[in-house]
Amino acid sequence: MAIQILNENSFTILGMERLYVHQLSHLPIIHHDPFDRMLISTALVEEMRLVTADQSIRKYDVSQVW
């Protein structure tokens, strides 16, 4: 069911890429949650927008909505 919803809405599942980890190593330590930092890194590499209300993420130079 979940895969069907993803497919119907043109979502793409991304894996862990070396470029994301490389970008992660260059992020300033503003946010201390490793999962959120990886989301930021991935969004930067893929030139994606993050949907977040997290004020710590807002301190990064990443495109955001909300």
N, C-alpha and C. Protein backbone atom coordinates (compact mmCIF):
# COMPACT_ATOMS: atom_id res chain seq x y z
N MET A 1 0.82 -1.20 0.00
CA MET A 1 0.00 0.00 0.00
C MET A 1 0.86 1.26 0.00
N ALA A 2 1.85 1.33 0.87
CA ALA A 2 2.71 2.52 0.94
C ALA A 2 3.47 2.73 -0.36
N ILE A 3 3.98 1.65 -0.95
CA ILE A 3 4.71 1.76 -2.22
C ILE A 3 3.78 2.27 -3.31
N GLN A 4 2.55 1.83 -3.31
CA GLN A 4 1.57 2.27 -4.30
C GLN A 4 1.34 3.79 -4.17
N ILE A 5 1.22 4.27 -2.96
CA ILE A 5 1.02 5.70 -2.73
C ILE A 5 2.23 6.49 -3.22
N LEU A 6 3.43 5.99 -2.94
CA LEU A 6 4.65 6.64 -3.42
C LEU A 6 4.66 6.72 -4.94
N ASN A 7 4.35 5.60 -5.58
CA ASN A 7 4.35 5.55 -7.04
C ASN A 7 3.30 6.47 -7.65
N GLU A 8 2.11 6.47 -7.08
CA GLU A 8 1.02 7.30 -7.60
C GLU A 8 1.33 8.79 -7.49
N ASN A 9 2.18 9.16 -6.56
CA ASN A 9 2.50 10.57 -6.34
C ASN A 9 3.89 10.95 -6.82
N SER A 10 4.50 10.07 -7.61
CA SER A 10 5.81 10.33 -8.23
C SER A 10 6.92 10.60 -7.23
N PHE A 11 6.86 9.95 -6.07
CA PHE A 11 7.94 10.06 -5.10
C PHE A 11 9.09 9.15 -5.52
N THR A 12 10.29 9.55 -5.19
CA THR A 12 11.48 8.74 -5.44
C THR A 12 12.13 8.41 -4.11
N ILE A 13 12.46 7.16 -3.92
CA ILE A 13 13.15 6.73 -2.70
C ILE A 13 14.65 6.85 -2.97
N LEU A 14 15.32 7.63 -2.15
CA LEU A 14 16.76 7.84 -2.31
C LEU A 14 17.52 6.94 -1.36
N GLY A 15 18.63 6.42 -1.81
CA GLY A 15 19.52 5.66 -0.96
C GLY A 15 20.58 6.57 -0.37
N MET A 16 21.48 6.00 0.39
CA MET A 16 22.59 6.75 0.96
C MET A 16 23.70 6.84 -0.09
N GLU A 17 24.06 8.03 -0.46
CA GLU A 17 25.09 8.24 -1.48
C GLU A 17 26.33 8.85 -0.85
N ARG A 18 27.47 8.57 -1.44
CA ARG A 18 28.73 9.13 -0.95
C ARG A 18 28.71 10.66 -0.95
N LEU A 19 28.08 11.24 -1.97
CA LEU A 19 28.02 12.70 -2.04
C LEU A 19 27.27 13.30 -0.85
N TYR A 20 26.27 12.59 -0.35
CA TYR A 20 25.52 13.09 0.82
C TYR A 20 26.43 13.10 2.04
N VAL A 21 27.21 12.04 2.19
CA VAL A 21 28.12 11.95 3.34
C VAL A 21 29.21 13.01 3.21
N HIS A 22 29.71 13.20 2.00
CA HIS A 22 30.72 14.24 1.77
C HIS A 22 30.16 15.61 2.14
N GLN A 23 28.96 15.92 1.68
CA GLN A 23 28.32 17.20 2.01
C GLN A 23 28.12 17.31 3.51
N LEU A 24 27.72 16.23 4.14
CA LEU A 24 27.51 16.20 5.58
C LEU A 24 28.77 16.62 6.34
N SER A 25 29.91 16.18 5.86
CA SER A 25 31.17 16.50 6.54
C SER A 25 31.51 17.99 6.46
N HIS A 26 30.84 18.72 5.57
CA HIS A 26 31.09 20.15 5.42
C HIS A 26 30.02 21.03 6.08
N LEU A 27 29.01 20.41 6.66
CA LEU A 27 27.97 21.19 7.34
C LEU A 27 28.47 21.70 8.68
N PRO A 28 28.15 22.95 9.01
CA PRO A 28 28.48 23.41 10.36
C PRO A 28 27.63 22.66 11.38
N ILE A 29 28.16 22.50 12.57
CA ILE A 29 27.43 21.77 13.62
C ILE A 29 26.47 22.75 14.29
N ILE A 30 25.33 22.95 13.65
CA ILE A 30 24.27 23.77 14.22
C ILE A 30 23.22 22.85 14.83
N HIS A 31 22.87 21.84 14.08
CA HIS A 31 21.87 20.86 14.49
C HIS A 31 22.61 19.60 14.93
N HIS A 32 22.22 19.02 16.04
CA HIS A 32 22.95 17.87 16.58
C HIS A 32 22.28 16.53 16.30
N ASP A 33 21.14 16.54 15.64
CA ASP A 33 20.46 15.29 15.31
C ASP A 33 21.06 14.74 14.01
N PRO A 34 21.70 13.56 14.07
CA PRO A 34 22.37 13.04 12.87
C PRO A 34 21.41 12.76 11.71
N PHE A 35 20.20 12.34 11.99
CA PHE A 35 19.24 12.07 10.91
C PHE A 35 18.85 13.38 10.22
N ASP A 36 18.58 14.42 10.99
CA ASP A 36 18.24 15.71 10.40
C ASP A 36 19.41 16.28 9.60
N ARG A 37 20.61 16.10 10.10
CA ARG A 37 21.79 16.58 9.36
C ARG A 37 21.93 15.85 8.02
N MET A 38 21.60 14.56 8.00
CA MET A 38 21.66 13.82 6.74
C MET A 38 20.56 14.30 5.79
N LEU A 39 19.38 14.63 6.31
CA LEU A 39 18.32 15.19 5.47
C LEU A 39 18.78 16.52 4.84
N ILE A 40 19.41 17.36 5.63
CA ILE A 40 19.92 18.64 5.14
C ILE A 40 20.95 18.40 4.04
N SER A 41 21.88 17.51 4.31
CA SER A 41 22.93 17.19 3.35
C SER A 41 22.34 16.68 2.03
N THR A 42 21.39 15.76 2.13
CA THR A 42 20.75 15.20 0.94
C THR A 42 20.02 16.28 0.15
N ALA A 43 19.29 17.14 0.86
CA ALA A 43 18.56 18.22 0.20
C ALA A 43 19.51 19.16 -0.53
N LEU A 44 20.65 19.44 0.07
CA LEU A 44 21.63 20.31 -0.58
C LEU A 44 22.18 19.67 -1.85
N VAL A 45 22.58 18.42 -1.77
CA VAL A 45 23.15 17.74 -2.93
C VAL A 45 22.13 17.60 -4.05
N GLU A 46 20.91 17.23 -3.71
CA GLU A 46 19.87 16.97 -4.71
C GLU A 46 19.09 18.23 -5.10
N GLU A 47 19.46 19.37 -4.49
CA GLU A 47 18.77 20.64 -4.74
C GLU A 47 17.27 20.50 -4.52
N MET A 48 16.93 19.93 -3.36
CA MET A 48 15.54 19.71 -2.97
C MET A 48 15.16 20.68 -1.86
N ARG A 49 13.86 20.81 -1.64
CA ARG A 49 13.35 21.61 -0.53
C ARG A 49 12.98 20.69 0.62
N LEU A 50 13.25 21.15 1.82
CA LEU A 50 12.83 20.42 3.02
C LEU A 50 11.54 21.03 3.54
N VAL A 51 10.63 20.19 3.95
CA VAL A 51 9.42 20.65 4.62
C VAL A 51 9.67 20.45 6.11
N THR A 52 9.79 21.55 6.84
CA THR A 52 10.14 21.44 8.25
C THR A 52 9.68 22.67 9.04
N ALA A 53 9.42 22.45 10.29
CA ALA A 53 9.15 23.54 11.23
C ALA A 53 10.30 23.63 12.24
N ASP A 54 11.32 22.82 12.04
CA ASP A 54 12.47 22.75 12.94
C ASP A 54 13.31 24.03 12.81
N GLN A 55 13.37 24.80 13.88
CA GLN A 55 14.10 26.07 13.86
C GLN A 55 15.60 25.89 13.66
N SER A 56 16.16 24.78 14.12
CA SER A 56 17.60 24.55 13.93
C SER A 56 17.92 24.32 12.46
N ILE A 57 17.05 23.62 11.75
CA ILE A 57 17.28 23.38 10.32
C ILE A 57 17.21 24.69 9.55
N ARG A 58 16.37 25.61 10.01
CA ARG A 58 16.22 26.90 9.34
C ARG A 58 17.52 27.71 9.34
N LYS A 59 18.44 27.37 10.19
CA LYS A 59 19.72 28.09 10.27
C LYS A 59 20.70 27.66 9.17
N TYR A 60 20.38 26.59 8.46
CA TYR A 60 21.22 26.13 7.35
C TYR A 60 20.77 26.78 6.05
N ASP A 61 21.68 26.90 5.12
CA ASP A 61 21.38 27.48 3.81
C ASP A 61 20.82 26.41 2.89
N VAL A 62 19.63 25.92 3.22
CA VAL A 62 18.96 24.88 2.44
C VAL A 62 17.55 25.37 2.15
N SER A 63 17.07 25.08 0.95
CA SER A 63 15.72 25.50 0.58
C SER A 63 14.69 24.81 1.48
N GLN A 64 13.75 25.62 2.01
CA GLN A 64 12.79 25.08 2.97
C GLN A 64 11.38 25.60 2.70
N VAL A 65 10.43 24.82 3.13
CA VAL A 65 9.03 25.19 3.05
C VAL A 65 8.47 25.07 4.46
N TRP A 66 7.68 26.04 4.84
CA TRP A 66 6.91 26.05 6.07
C TRP A 66 7.42 27.07 6.96
